[in-house]
Amino acid sequence: MQDRQARRVLRSRAALMEAAVRLVSERGTTALPVIDLSEAADVSRQLVYIQFGDRDTLLVAAATDLVERELIAAAAGTDSTSPHERLLAMTRHFARHRPFYRAMLTGSCAFPMTRALNRLFGSLITTAGLREQFGDLDEATAEDLKALVTGGTGAIVNDWVIDAEDPLVPQELADRLLRVTSALTHNRPTPAPAPGGHP
């Protein structure tokens, strides 16, 4: 009996999150009545409040679920893929779901949405990986660097999703992010002195 009820709860949550992604994408806004979300998911309006508390929490949960299913899970088992391939997978994901993310990043839940994305992408960055790139770092500095990298990358992706002209070109953003990453992780050569000994 409990298993059946647990499965029903999971199905209704999944239906609500799928409906949220679809309706936000179709309408280009997060200003959706809860009744529209519940009807699209074929569940009661009260269930939205019971399971999520409010509309914006449902929308952020739907976005988090989308990223976890399509990007985080795929990235977890892909040690053999290059950084460029991982960046390209990410930019293709955001381009494919642009109407949804554009509405989420400009609507009522923009702040919690940005925090959720930073947390998710931060989970892919390990302290060991940061130390490999930047040398010996204490834990606090590694955490600050992780926040800097995820926040900065997020700002670039957000601007691209919101403001770039159609059609979005995932390859261009992936190349751009790779250049930024390379600039951060490699020592730049010291410029040669100018002729005559002046810098």
N, C-alpha and C. Protein backbone atom coordinates (compact mmCIF):
# COMPACT_ATOMS: atom_id res chain seq x y z
N MET A 1 0.83 -1.20 0.00
CA MET A 1 0.00 0.00 0.00
C MET A 1 0.87 1.26 0.00
N GLN A 2 1.90 1.29 0.88
CA GLN A 2 2.78 2.45 0.94
C GLN A 2 3.55 2.62 -0.36
N ASP A 3 3.99 1.49 -0.95
CA ASP A 3 4.72 1.56 -2.22
C ASP A 3 3.85 2.17 -3.31
N ARG A 4 2.58 1.77 -3.36
CA ARG A 4 1.67 2.28 -4.37
C ARG A 4 1.48 3.79 -4.18
N GLN A 5 1.32 4.21 -2.93
CA GLN A 5 1.14 5.64 -2.65
C GLN A 5 2.41 6.42 -2.99
N ALA A 6 3.57 5.87 -2.68
CA ALA A 6 4.83 6.54 -3.00
C ALA A 6 5.00 6.68 -4.51
N ARG A 7 4.63 5.64 -5.26
CA ARG A 7 4.71 5.71 -6.72
C ARG A 7 3.75 6.77 -7.26
N ARG A 8 2.56 6.86 -6.67
CA ARG A 8 1.58 7.86 -7.10
C ARG A 8 2.10 9.28 -6.85
N VAL A 9 2.75 9.48 -5.69
CA VAL A 9 3.33 10.79 -5.38
C VAL A 9 4.43 11.13 -6.38
N LEU A 10 5.29 10.17 -6.68
CA LEU A 10 6.36 10.41 -7.66
C LEU A 10 5.80 10.71 -9.04
N ARG A 11 4.76 9.98 -9.44
CA ARG A 11 4.14 10.23 -10.75
C ARG A 11 3.52 11.62 -10.82
N SER A 12 2.83 12.02 -9.76
CA SER A 12 2.20 13.35 -9.77
C SER A 12 3.26 14.45 -9.76
N ARG A 13 4.34 14.26 -9.02
CA ARG A 13 5.45 15.25 -9.03
C ARG A 13 6.05 15.36 -10.43
N ALA A 14 6.31 14.21 -11.04
CA ALA A 14 6.89 14.20 -12.39
C ALA A 14 5.94 14.86 -13.38
N ALA A 15 4.64 14.59 -13.26
CA ALA A 15 3.66 15.19 -14.17
C ALA A 15 3.62 16.71 -13.99
N LEU A 16 3.69 17.17 -12.74
CA LEU A 16 3.68 18.61 -12.49
C LEU A 16 4.94 19.27 -13.05
N MET A 17 6.09 18.65 -12.88
CA MET A 17 7.33 19.25 -13.38
C MET A 17 7.36 19.25 -14.90
N GLU A 18 6.87 18.19 -15.52
CA GLU A 18 6.80 18.15 -16.99
C GLU A 18 5.84 19.23 -17.50
N ALA A 19 4.70 19.38 -16.84
CA ALA A 19 3.73 20.40 -17.22
C ALA A 19 4.32 21.80 -17.06
N ALA A 20 5.09 22.00 -15.99
CA ALA A 20 5.71 23.31 -15.76
C ALA A 20 6.67 23.67 -16.89
N VAL A 21 7.54 22.74 -17.28
CA VAL A 21 8.49 23.01 -18.36
C VAL A 21 7.74 23.30 -19.65
N ARG A 22 6.72 22.49 -19.94
CA ARG A 22 5.97 22.67 -21.20
C ARG A 22 5.23 24.01 -21.22
N LEU A 23 4.50 24.34 -20.15
CA LEU A 23 3.71 25.57 -20.16
C LEU A 23 4.59 26.83 -20.15
N VAL A 24 5.66 26.83 -19.35
CA VAL A 24 6.56 27.98 -19.35
C VAL A 24 7.17 28.16 -20.73
N SER A 25 7.56 27.07 -21.37
CA SER A 25 8.15 27.13 -22.71
C SER A 25 7.15 27.66 -23.73
N GLU A 26 5.94 27.17 -23.68
CA GLU A 26 4.91 27.57 -24.64
C GLU A 26 4.49 29.03 -24.46
N ARG A 27 4.35 29.46 -23.21
CA ARG A 27 3.82 30.80 -22.94
C ARG A 27 4.92 31.86 -22.77
N GLY A 28 6.16 31.41 -22.57
CA GLY A 28 7.26 32.36 -22.44
C GLY A 28 7.22 33.19 -21.17
N THR A 29 6.58 32.66 -20.14
CA THR A 29 6.47 33.39 -18.88
C THR A 29 6.36 32.41 -17.72
N THR A 30 6.77 32.88 -16.54
CA THR A 30 6.58 32.09 -15.32
C THR A 30 5.31 32.51 -14.59
N ALA A 31 4.62 33.52 -15.11
CA ALA A 31 3.40 34.02 -14.47
C ALA A 31 2.22 33.13 -14.86
N LEU A 32 2.28 31.91 -14.40
CA LEU A 32 1.24 30.93 -14.72
C LEU A 32 0.34 30.71 -13.53
N PRO A 33 -0.97 30.69 -13.74
CA PRO A 33 -1.86 30.33 -12.63
C PRO A 33 -1.62 28.89 -12.20
N VAL A 34 -1.66 28.64 -10.92
CA VAL A 34 -1.47 27.28 -10.40
C VAL A 34 -2.50 26.33 -10.99
N ILE A 35 -3.70 26.82 -11.23
CA ILE A 35 -4.75 25.96 -11.79
C ILE A 35 -4.36 25.46 -13.18
N ASP A 36 -3.66 26.30 -13.97
CA ASP A 36 -3.21 25.86 -15.30
C ASP A 36 -2.18 24.74 -15.19
N LEU A 37 -1.27 24.87 -14.23
CA LEU A 37 -0.26 23.84 -14.02
C LEU A 37 -0.90 22.53 -13.56
N SER A 38 -1.83 22.62 -12.62
CA SER A 38 -2.46 21.40 -12.10
C SER A 38 -3.31 20.73 -13.17
N GLU A 39 -4.03 21.51 -13.97
CA GLU A 39 -4.84 20.92 -15.03
C GLU A 39 -3.97 20.28 -16.10
N ALA A 40 -2.87 20.92 -16.44
CA ALA A 40 -1.97 20.34 -17.45
C ALA A 40 -1.36 19.04 -16.96
N ALA A 41 -1.17 18.91 -15.64
CA ALA A 41 -0.60 17.68 -15.06
C ALA A 41 -1.68 16.68 -14.67
N ASP A 42 -2.94 17.09 -14.78
CA ASP A 42 -4.08 16.25 -14.42
C ASP A 42 -4.02 15.84 -12.95
N VAL A 43 -3.74 16.85 -12.10
CA VAL A 43 -3.76 16.63 -10.65
C VAL A 43 -4.54 17.79 -10.03
N SER A 44 -4.85 17.67 -8.75
CA SER A 44 -5.59 18.74 -8.08
C SER A 44 -4.67 19.93 -7.78
N ARG A 45 -5.29 21.09 -7.71
CA ARG A 45 -4.54 22.31 -7.39
C ARG A 45 -3.89 22.21 -6.02
N GLN A 46 -4.59 21.59 -5.08
CA GLN A 46 -4.07 21.45 -3.73
C GLN A 46 -2.76 20.64 -3.72
N LEU A 47 -2.64 19.72 -4.66
CA LEU A 47 -1.44 18.89 -4.72
C LEU A 47 -0.19 19.72 -5.00
N VAL A 48 -0.34 20.78 -5.79
CA VAL A 48 0.80 21.67 -6.05
C VAL A 48 1.30 22.24 -4.73
N TYR A 49 0.38 22.71 -3.90
CA TYR A 49 0.75 23.32 -2.62
C TYR A 49 1.28 22.27 -1.64
N ILE A 50 0.70 21.08 -1.66
CA ILE A 50 1.14 20.03 -0.75
C ILE A 50 2.56 19.59 -1.10
N GLN A 51 2.83 19.40 -2.40
CA GLN A 51 4.12 18.86 -2.81
C GLN A 51 5.21 19.91 -2.96
N PHE A 52 4.83 21.15 -3.32
CA PHE A 52 5.86 22.15 -3.60
C PHE A 52 5.74 23.42 -2.75
N GLY A 53 4.60 23.69 -2.19
CA GLY A 53 4.44 24.89 -1.38
C GLY A 53 3.91 26.08 -2.16
N ASP A 54 4.50 26.35 -3.34
CA ASP A 54 4.02 27.44 -4.17
C ASP A 54 4.48 27.22 -5.62
N ARG A 55 4.00 28.06 -6.50
CA ARG A 55 4.28 27.92 -7.92
C ARG A 55 5.76 28.05 -8.24
N ASP A 56 6.42 29.07 -7.69
CA ASP A 56 7.82 29.29 -8.03
C ASP A 56 8.71 28.14 -7.58
N THR A 57 8.39 27.55 -6.43
CA THR A 57 9.16 26.39 -5.98
C THR A 57 8.98 25.23 -6.95
N LEU A 58 7.78 25.04 -7.46
CA LEU A 58 7.54 24.02 -8.48
C LEU A 58 8.36 24.30 -9.74
N LEU A 59 8.37 25.55 -10.19
CA LEU A 59 9.09 25.89 -11.41
C LEU A 59 10.59 25.66 -11.26
N VAL A 60 11.16 26.06 -10.13
CA VAL A 60 12.59 25.85 -9.90
C VAL A 60 12.88 24.35 -9.78
N ALA A 61 12.00 23.60 -9.14
CA ALA A 61 12.17 22.15 -9.05
C ALA A 61 12.14 21.52 -10.44
N ALA A 62 11.26 22.01 -11.30
CA ALA A 62 11.18 21.48 -12.67
C ALA A 62 12.46 21.78 -13.44
N ALA A 63 13.00 22.98 -13.28
CA ALA A 63 14.25 23.33 -13.95
C ALA A 63 15.41 22.49 -13.42
N THR A 64 15.46 22.33 -12.10
CA THR A 64 16.51 21.52 -11.49
C THR A 64 16.44 20.08 -11.99
N ASP A 65 15.23 19.54 -12.05
CA ASP A 65 15.04 18.18 -12.54
C ASP A 65 15.50 18.06 -14.00
N LEU A 66 15.17 19.03 -14.82
CA LEU A 66 15.56 19.02 -16.23
C LEU A 66 17.08 19.00 -16.36
N VAL A 67 17.76 19.87 -15.61
CA VAL A 67 19.23 19.92 -15.67
C VAL A 67 19.83 18.62 -15.14
N GLU A 68 19.30 18.11 -14.04
CA GLU A 68 19.84 16.87 -13.46
C GLU A 68 19.68 15.70 -14.42
N ARG A 69 18.51 15.59 -15.06
CA ARG A 69 18.26 14.47 -15.98
C ARG A 69 19.07 14.57 -17.26
N GLU A 70 19.13 15.76 -17.83
CA GLU A 70 19.74 15.90 -19.15
C GLU A 70 21.23 16.22 -19.13
N LEU A 71 21.70 16.86 -18.07
CA LEU A 71 23.10 17.29 -18.06
C LEU A 71 23.94 16.66 -16.96
N ILE A 72 23.49 16.77 -15.73
CA ILE A 72 24.30 16.31 -14.61
C ILE A 72 24.50 14.80 -14.67
N ALA A 73 23.43 14.05 -14.90
CA ALA A 73 23.54 12.59 -14.97
C ALA A 73 24.46 12.18 -16.12
N ALA A 74 24.34 12.86 -17.25
CA ALA A 74 25.19 12.53 -18.40
C ALA A 74 26.65 12.88 -18.11
N ALA A 75 26.88 14.00 -17.45
CA ALA A 75 28.25 14.45 -17.17
C ALA A 75 28.94 13.56 -16.13
N ALA A 76 28.16 12.95 -15.26
CA ALA A 76 28.74 12.15 -14.18
C ALA A 76 29.53 10.94 -14.70
N GLY A 77 29.09 10.35 -15.79
CA GLY A 77 29.76 9.16 -16.26
C GLY A 77 30.59 9.36 -17.51
N THR A 78 31.06 10.60 -17.75
CA THR A 78 31.75 10.87 -19.01
C THR A 78 33.14 11.41 -18.78
N ASP A 79 33.96 10.65 -18.08
CA ASP A 79 35.35 11.07 -17.86
C ASP A 79 36.13 11.13 -19.16
N SER A 80 35.69 10.35 -20.15
CA SER A 80 36.44 10.28 -21.40
C SER A 80 36.14 11.44 -22.35
N THR A 81 35.07 12.20 -22.09
CA THR A 81 34.77 13.31 -22.99
C THR A 81 35.64 14.51 -22.66
N SER A 82 35.93 15.28 -23.68
CA SER A 82 36.79 16.45 -23.52
C SER A 82 36.00 17.59 -22.88
N PRO A 83 36.70 18.58 -22.31
CA PRO A 83 36.00 19.75 -21.77
C PRO A 83 35.14 20.43 -22.84
N HIS A 84 35.64 20.48 -24.07
CA HIS A 84 34.87 21.12 -25.14
C HIS A 84 33.57 20.36 -25.40
N GLU A 85 33.63 19.03 -25.40
CA GLU A 85 32.41 18.24 -25.62
C GLU A 85 31.41 18.45 -24.49
N ARG A 86 31.91 18.55 -23.25
CA ARG A 86 31.00 18.78 -22.12
C ARG A 86 30.36 20.17 -22.22
N LEU A 87 31.17 21.18 -22.58
CA LEU A 87 30.62 22.52 -22.75
C LEU A 87 29.60 22.56 -23.88
N LEU A 88 29.90 21.86 -24.96
CA LEU A 88 28.98 21.83 -26.09
C LEU A 88 27.66 21.15 -25.72
N ALA A 89 27.73 20.08 -24.93
CA ALA A 89 26.50 19.42 -24.46
C ALA A 89 25.67 20.39 -23.63
N MET A 90 26.34 21.18 -22.77
CA MET A 90 25.64 22.15 -21.94
C MET A 90 24.99 23.24 -22.79
N THR A 91 25.75 23.81 -23.74
CA THR A 91 25.20 24.91 -24.54
C THR A 91 24.07 24.42 -25.44
N ARG A 92 24.18 23.19 -25.94
CA ARG A 92 23.08 22.62 -26.74
C ARG A 92 21.82 22.46 -25.89
N HIS A 93 22.00 22.02 -24.65
CA HIS A 93 20.86 21.87 -23.74
C HIS A 93 20.15 23.21 -23.55
N PHE A 94 20.90 24.26 -23.25
CA PHE A 94 20.27 25.56 -23.02
C PHE A 94 19.66 26.12 -24.30
N ALA A 95 20.27 25.87 -25.44
CA ALA A 95 19.68 26.33 -26.70
C ALA A 95 18.38 25.60 -26.99
N ARG A 96 18.37 24.29 -26.75
CA ARG A 96 17.18 23.47 -27.02
C ARG A 96 16.00 23.90 -26.14
N HIS A 97 16.30 24.31 -24.92
CA HIS A 97 15.25 24.69 -23.97
C HIS A 97 15.23 26.21 -23.74
N ARG A 98 15.67 26.97 -24.72
CA ARG A 98 15.78 28.42 -24.53
C ARG A 98 14.49 29.08 -24.05
N PRO A 99 13.32 28.82 -24.67
CA PRO A 99 12.11 29.51 -24.19
C PRO A 99 11.85 29.29 -22.70
N PHE A 100 12.12 28.08 -22.23
CA PHE A 100 11.92 27.78 -20.81
C PHE A 100 12.91 28.56 -19.96
N TYR A 101 14.20 28.43 -20.27
CA TYR A 101 15.21 29.09 -19.44
C TYR A 101 15.14 30.61 -19.52
N ARG A 102 14.81 31.15 -20.68
CA ARG A 102 14.69 32.61 -20.80
C ARG A 102 13.59 33.12 -19.86
N ALA A 103 12.46 32.45 -19.85
CA ALA A 103 11.37 32.85 -18.95
C ALA A 103 11.79 32.67 -17.49
N MET A 104 12.46 31.57 -17.18
CA MET A 104 12.86 31.31 -15.80
C MET A 104 13.89 32.33 -15.31
N LEU A 105 14.78 32.77 -16.19
CA LEU A 105 15.85 33.68 -15.78
C LEU A 105 15.43 35.15 -15.80
N THR A 106 14.23 35.42 -16.28
CA THR A 106 13.73 36.80 -16.29
C THR A 106 12.44 36.96 -15.50
N GLY A 107 11.90 35.87 -14.99
CA GLY A 107 10.63 35.90 -14.29
C GLY A 107 10.77 36.02 -12.79
N SER A 108 9.69 35.68 -12.11
CA SER A 108 9.60 35.85 -10.66
C SER A 108 10.57 34.96 -9.89
N CYS A 109 11.03 33.88 -10.51
CA CYS A 109 11.93 32.97 -9.77
C CYS A 109 13.35 33.03 -10.30
N ALA A 110 13.75 34.17 -10.89
CA ALA A 110 15.09 34.29 -11.47
C ALA A 110 16.19 34.07 -10.42
N PHE A 111 16.05 34.66 -9.25
CA PHE A 111 17.10 34.52 -8.23
C PHE A 111 17.25 33.08 -7.76
N PRO A 112 16.16 32.41 -7.30
CA PRO A 112 16.34 31.02 -6.88
C PRO A 112 16.76 30.12 -8.04
N MET A 113 16.35 30.47 -9.26
CA MET A 113 16.75 29.68 -10.42
C MET A 113 18.26 29.77 -10.63
N THR A 114 18.81 30.98 -10.56
CA THR A 114 20.25 31.17 -10.73
C THR A 114 21.02 30.44 -9.64
N ARG A 115 20.56 30.53 -8.41
CA ARG A 115 21.22 29.83 -7.30
C ARG A 115 21.19 28.32 -7.50
N ALA A 116 20.06 27.80 -7.97
CA ALA A 116 19.94 26.36 -8.19
C ALA A 116 20.89 25.91 -9.29
N LEU A 117 20.99 26.66 -10.38
CA LEU A 117 21.91 26.31 -11.46
C LEU A 117 23.36 26.35 -10.98
N ASN A 118 23.71 27.39 -10.23
CA ASN A 118 25.09 27.48 -9.72
C ASN A 118 25.41 26.29 -8.81
N ARG A 119 24.45 25.91 -7.97
CA ARG A 119 24.66 24.77 -7.07
C ARG A 119 24.84 23.48 -7.88
N LEU A 120 24.00 23.28 -8.90
CA LEU A 120 24.09 22.07 -9.71
C LEU A 120 25.42 22.00 -10.46
N PHE A 121 25.79 23.10 -11.11
CA PHE A 121 27.04 23.07 -11.86
C PHE A 121 28.25 23.06 -10.93
N GLY A 122 28.11 23.64 -9.76
CA GLY A 122 29.18 23.57 -8.77
C GLY A 122 29.43 22.15 -8.30
N SER A 123 28.38 21.31 -8.33
CA SER A 123 28.55 19.92 -7.91
C SER A 123 29.45 19.14 -8.86
N LEU A 124 29.66 19.66 -10.07
CA LEU A 124 30.53 18.99 -11.04
C LEU A 124 32.00 19.35 -10.86
N ILE A 125 32.27 20.39 -10.07
CA ILE A 125 33.64 20.85 -9.86
C ILE A 125 34.15 20.28 -8.54
N THR A 126 35.24 19.54 -8.60
CA THR A 126 35.80 18.95 -7.39
C THR A 126 36.99 19.76 -6.88
N THR A 127 37.23 19.67 -5.59
CA THR A 127 38.40 20.33 -5.01
C THR A 127 39.67 19.78 -5.65
N ALA A 128 39.70 18.46 -5.87
CA ALA A 128 40.89 17.86 -6.51
C ALA A 128 41.11 18.43 -7.90
N GLY A 129 40.03 18.61 -8.65
CA GLY A 129 40.15 19.18 -9.99
C GLY A 129 40.65 20.62 -9.95
N LEU A 130 40.17 21.38 -8.98
CA LEU A 130 40.64 22.77 -8.84
C LEU A 130 42.11 22.81 -8.47
N ARG A 131 42.52 21.91 -7.57
CA ARG A 131 43.93 21.88 -7.17
C ARG A 131 44.82 21.48 -8.34
N GLU A 132 44.31 20.60 -9.19
CA GLU A 132 45.07 20.19 -10.37
C GLU A 132 45.30 21.38 -11.30
N GLN A 133 44.31 22.23 -11.42
CA GLN A 133 44.39 23.38 -12.31
C GLN A 133 45.10 24.58 -11.68
N PHE A 134 44.87 24.82 -10.39
CA PHE A 134 45.34 26.05 -9.76
C PHE A 134 46.39 25.86 -8.68
N GLY A 135 46.81 24.62 -8.43
CA GLY A 135 47.81 24.39 -7.39
C GLY A 135 47.15 24.11 -6.06
N ASP A 136 47.97 24.04 -5.02
CA ASP A 136 47.49 23.70 -3.69
C ASP A 136 46.58 24.80 -3.15
N LEU A 137 45.34 24.45 -2.88
CA LEU A 137 44.36 25.41 -2.37
C LEU A 137 43.79 24.88 -1.06
N ASP A 138 43.60 25.77 -0.10
CA ASP A 138 42.90 25.34 1.10
C ASP A 138 41.41 25.21 0.76
N GLU A 139 40.67 24.56 1.63
CA GLU A 139 39.26 24.24 1.36
C GLU A 139 38.42 25.50 1.11
N ALA A 140 38.62 26.53 1.92
CA ALA A 140 37.82 27.76 1.77
C ALA A 140 38.11 28.44 0.43
N THR A 141 39.38 28.48 0.04
CA THR A 141 39.73 29.10 -1.24
C THR A 141 39.17 28.28 -2.40
N ALA A 142 39.21 26.96 -2.28
CA ALA A 142 38.65 26.09 -3.32
C ALA A 142 37.15 26.34 -3.48
N GLU A 143 36.44 26.48 -2.34
CA GLU A 143 35.00 26.75 -2.40
C GLU A 143 34.71 28.12 -3.02
N ASP A 144 35.54 29.12 -2.66
CA ASP A 144 35.36 30.45 -3.26
C ASP A 144 35.64 30.43 -4.76
N LEU A 145 36.64 29.69 -5.16
CA LEU A 145 36.98 29.58 -6.57
C LEU A 145 35.87 28.86 -7.33
N LYS A 146 35.30 27.83 -6.72
CA LYS A 146 34.18 27.12 -7.33
C LYS A 146 33.00 28.07 -7.54
N ALA A 147 32.71 28.91 -6.54
CA ALA A 147 31.62 29.88 -6.65
C ALA A 147 31.91 30.89 -7.76
N LEU A 148 33.16 31.32 -7.85
CA LEU A 148 33.55 32.27 -8.89
C LEU A 148 33.37 31.68 -10.28
N VAL A 149 33.84 30.45 -10.47
CA VAL A 149 33.76 29.79 -11.77
C VAL A 149 32.30 29.53 -12.16
N THR A 150 31.52 28.96 -11.25
CA THR A 150 30.14 28.64 -11.59
C THR A 150 29.31 29.91 -11.77
N GLY A 151 29.53 30.90 -10.91
CA GLY A 151 28.78 32.15 -11.04
C GLY A 151 29.13 32.90 -12.32
N GLY A 152 30.42 32.93 -12.64
CA GLY A 152 30.85 33.61 -13.86
C GLY A 152 30.36 32.91 -15.11
N THR A 153 30.47 31.59 -15.13
CA THR A 153 29.97 30.82 -16.27
C THR A 153 28.46 31.00 -16.39
N GLY A 154 27.79 30.95 -15.25
CA GLY A 154 26.34 31.14 -15.25
C GLY A 154 25.94 32.50 -15.80
N ALA A 155 26.68 33.55 -15.45
CA ALA A 155 26.36 34.89 -15.96
C ALA A 155 26.50 34.94 -17.48
N ILE A 156 27.55 34.31 -18.01
CA ILE A 156 27.75 34.30 -19.47
C ILE A 156 26.62 33.52 -20.15
N VAL A 157 26.29 32.35 -19.61
CA VAL A 157 25.22 31.53 -20.19
C VAL A 157 23.88 32.25 -20.09
N ASN A 158 23.60 32.86 -18.93
CA ASN A 158 22.34 33.58 -18.75
C ASN A 158 22.19 34.70 -19.78
N ASP A 159 23.24 35.50 -19.95
CA ASP A 159 23.18 36.59 -20.93
C ASP A 159 22.92 36.05 -22.33
N TRP A 160 23.57 34.95 -22.66
CA TRP A 160 23.41 34.34 -23.99
C TRP A 160 21.97 33.85 -24.19
N VAL A 161 21.43 33.14 -23.19
CA VAL A 161 20.07 32.61 -23.29
C VAL A 161 19.06 33.75 -23.39
N ILE A 162 19.27 34.80 -22.62
CA ILE A 162 18.30 35.89 -22.58
C ILE A 162 18.43 36.83 -23.78
N ASP A 163 19.65 37.22 -24.13
CA ASP A 163 19.84 38.33 -25.06
C ASP A 163 20.37 37.99 -26.45
N ALA A 164 20.99 36.84 -26.64
CA ALA A 164 21.61 36.55 -27.95
C ALA A 164 20.52 36.45 -29.03
N GLU A 165 20.92 36.79 -30.24
CA GLU A 165 19.98 36.73 -31.35
C GLU A 165 19.70 35.29 -31.74
N ASP A 166 18.50 35.07 -32.25
CA ASP A 166 18.14 33.75 -32.78
C ASP A 166 18.76 33.57 -34.15
N PRO A 167 19.11 32.36 -34.51
CA PRO A 167 19.13 31.18 -33.65
C PRO A 167 20.39 31.16 -32.80
N LEU A 168 20.26 30.59 -31.61
CA LEU A 168 21.44 30.42 -30.76
C LEU A 168 22.40 29.44 -31.43
N VAL A 169 23.70 29.71 -31.31
CA VAL A 169 24.72 28.83 -31.90
C VAL A 169 25.53 28.22 -30.75
N PRO A 170 25.16 26.99 -30.32
CA PRO A 170 25.84 26.38 -29.18
C PRO A 170 27.36 26.28 -29.34
N GLN A 171 27.83 26.01 -30.54
CA GLN A 171 29.27 25.87 -30.78
C GLN A 171 30.02 27.16 -30.43
N GLU A 172 29.44 28.31 -30.79
CA GLU A 172 30.09 29.59 -30.51
C GLU A 172 30.22 29.83 -29.01
N LEU A 173 29.16 29.53 -28.25
CA LEU A 173 29.25 29.73 -26.80
C LEU A 173 30.20 28.73 -26.17
N ALA A 174 30.19 27.49 -26.63
CA ALA A 174 31.12 26.49 -26.09
C ALA A 174 32.56 26.94 -26.32
N ASP A 175 32.86 27.44 -27.52
CA ASP A 175 34.22 27.93 -27.82
C ASP A 175 34.57 29.12 -26.92
N ARG A 176 33.62 30.00 -26.73
CA ARG A 176 33.83 31.18 -25.89
C ARG A 176 34.14 30.78 -24.45
N LEU A 177 33.35 29.85 -23.91
CA LEU A 177 33.58 29.38 -22.54
C LEU A 177 34.90 28.65 -22.41
N LEU A 178 35.28 27.92 -23.44
CA LEU A 178 36.57 27.22 -23.41
C LEU A 178 37.73 28.21 -23.40
N ARG A 179 37.59 29.30 -24.15
CA ARG A 179 38.64 30.33 -24.15
C ARG A 179 38.77 30.96 -22.77
N VAL A 180 37.65 31.23 -22.12
CA VAL A 180 37.67 31.82 -20.78
C VAL A 180 38.31 30.83 -19.81
N THR A 181 37.93 29.56 -19.90
CA THR A 181 38.50 28.54 -19.03
C THR A 181 40.00 28.44 -19.23
N SER A 182 40.43 28.44 -20.49
CA SER A 182 41.86 28.36 -20.78
C SER A 182 42.60 29.56 -20.22
N ALA A 183 42.01 30.73 -20.33
CA ALA A 183 42.65 31.94 -19.80
C ALA A 183 42.80 31.85 -18.29
N LEU A 184 41.83 31.25 -17.61
CA LEU A 184 41.89 31.13 -16.15
C LEU A 184 42.87 30.07 -15.68
N THR A 185 43.02 29.01 -16.45
CA THR A 185 43.77 27.87 -15.95
C THR A 185 45.19 27.74 -16.47
N HIS A 186 45.61 28.60 -17.35
CA HIS A 186 46.97 28.52 -17.87
C HIS A 186 47.73 29.80 -17.56
N ASN A 187 49.00 29.63 -17.23
CA ASN A 187 49.83 30.81 -17.01
C ASN A 187 50.06 31.50 -18.35
N ARG A 188 49.87 32.78 -18.35
CA ARG A 188 50.09 33.54 -19.57
C ARG A 188 51.56 33.88 -19.66
N PRO A 189 52.13 33.83 -20.86
CA PRO A 189 53.55 34.17 -20.97
C PRO A 189 53.78 35.64 -20.65
N THR A 190 54.92 35.92 -20.05
CA THR A 190 55.28 37.31 -19.76
C THR A 190 55.63 37.98 -21.08
N PRO A 191 55.07 39.18 -21.31
CA PRO A 191 55.39 39.84 -22.57
C PRO A 191 56.89 40.13 -22.69
N ALA A 192 57.38 39.99 -23.89
CA ALA A 192 58.80 40.29 -24.12
C ALA A 192 59.02 41.78 -23.98
N PRO A 193 60.19 42.19 -23.46
CA PRO A 193 60.44 43.62 -23.35
C PRO A 193 60.47 44.27 -24.72
N ALA A 194 60.03 45.49 -24.76
CA ALA A 194 60.02 46.25 -26.03
C ALA A 194 61.46 46.55 -26.45
N PRO A 195 61.68 46.74 -27.75
CA PRO A 195 63.02 47.10 -28.20
C PRO A 195 63.53 48.34 -27.46
N GLY A 196 64.80 48.33 -27.14
CA GLY A 196 65.37 49.47 -26.42
C GLY A 196 65.30 49.28 -24.91
N GLY A 197 64.76 48.14 -24.44
CA GLY A 197 64.74 47.85 -23.02
C GLY A 197 63.60 48.47 -22.27
N HIS A 198 62.65 49.20 -22.96
CA HIS A 198 61.50 49.77 -22.27
C HIS A 198 60.34 48.78 -22.29
N PRO A 199 59.63 48.65 -21.21
CA PRO A 199 58.52 47.70 -21.16
C PRO A 199 57.38 48.12 -22.05
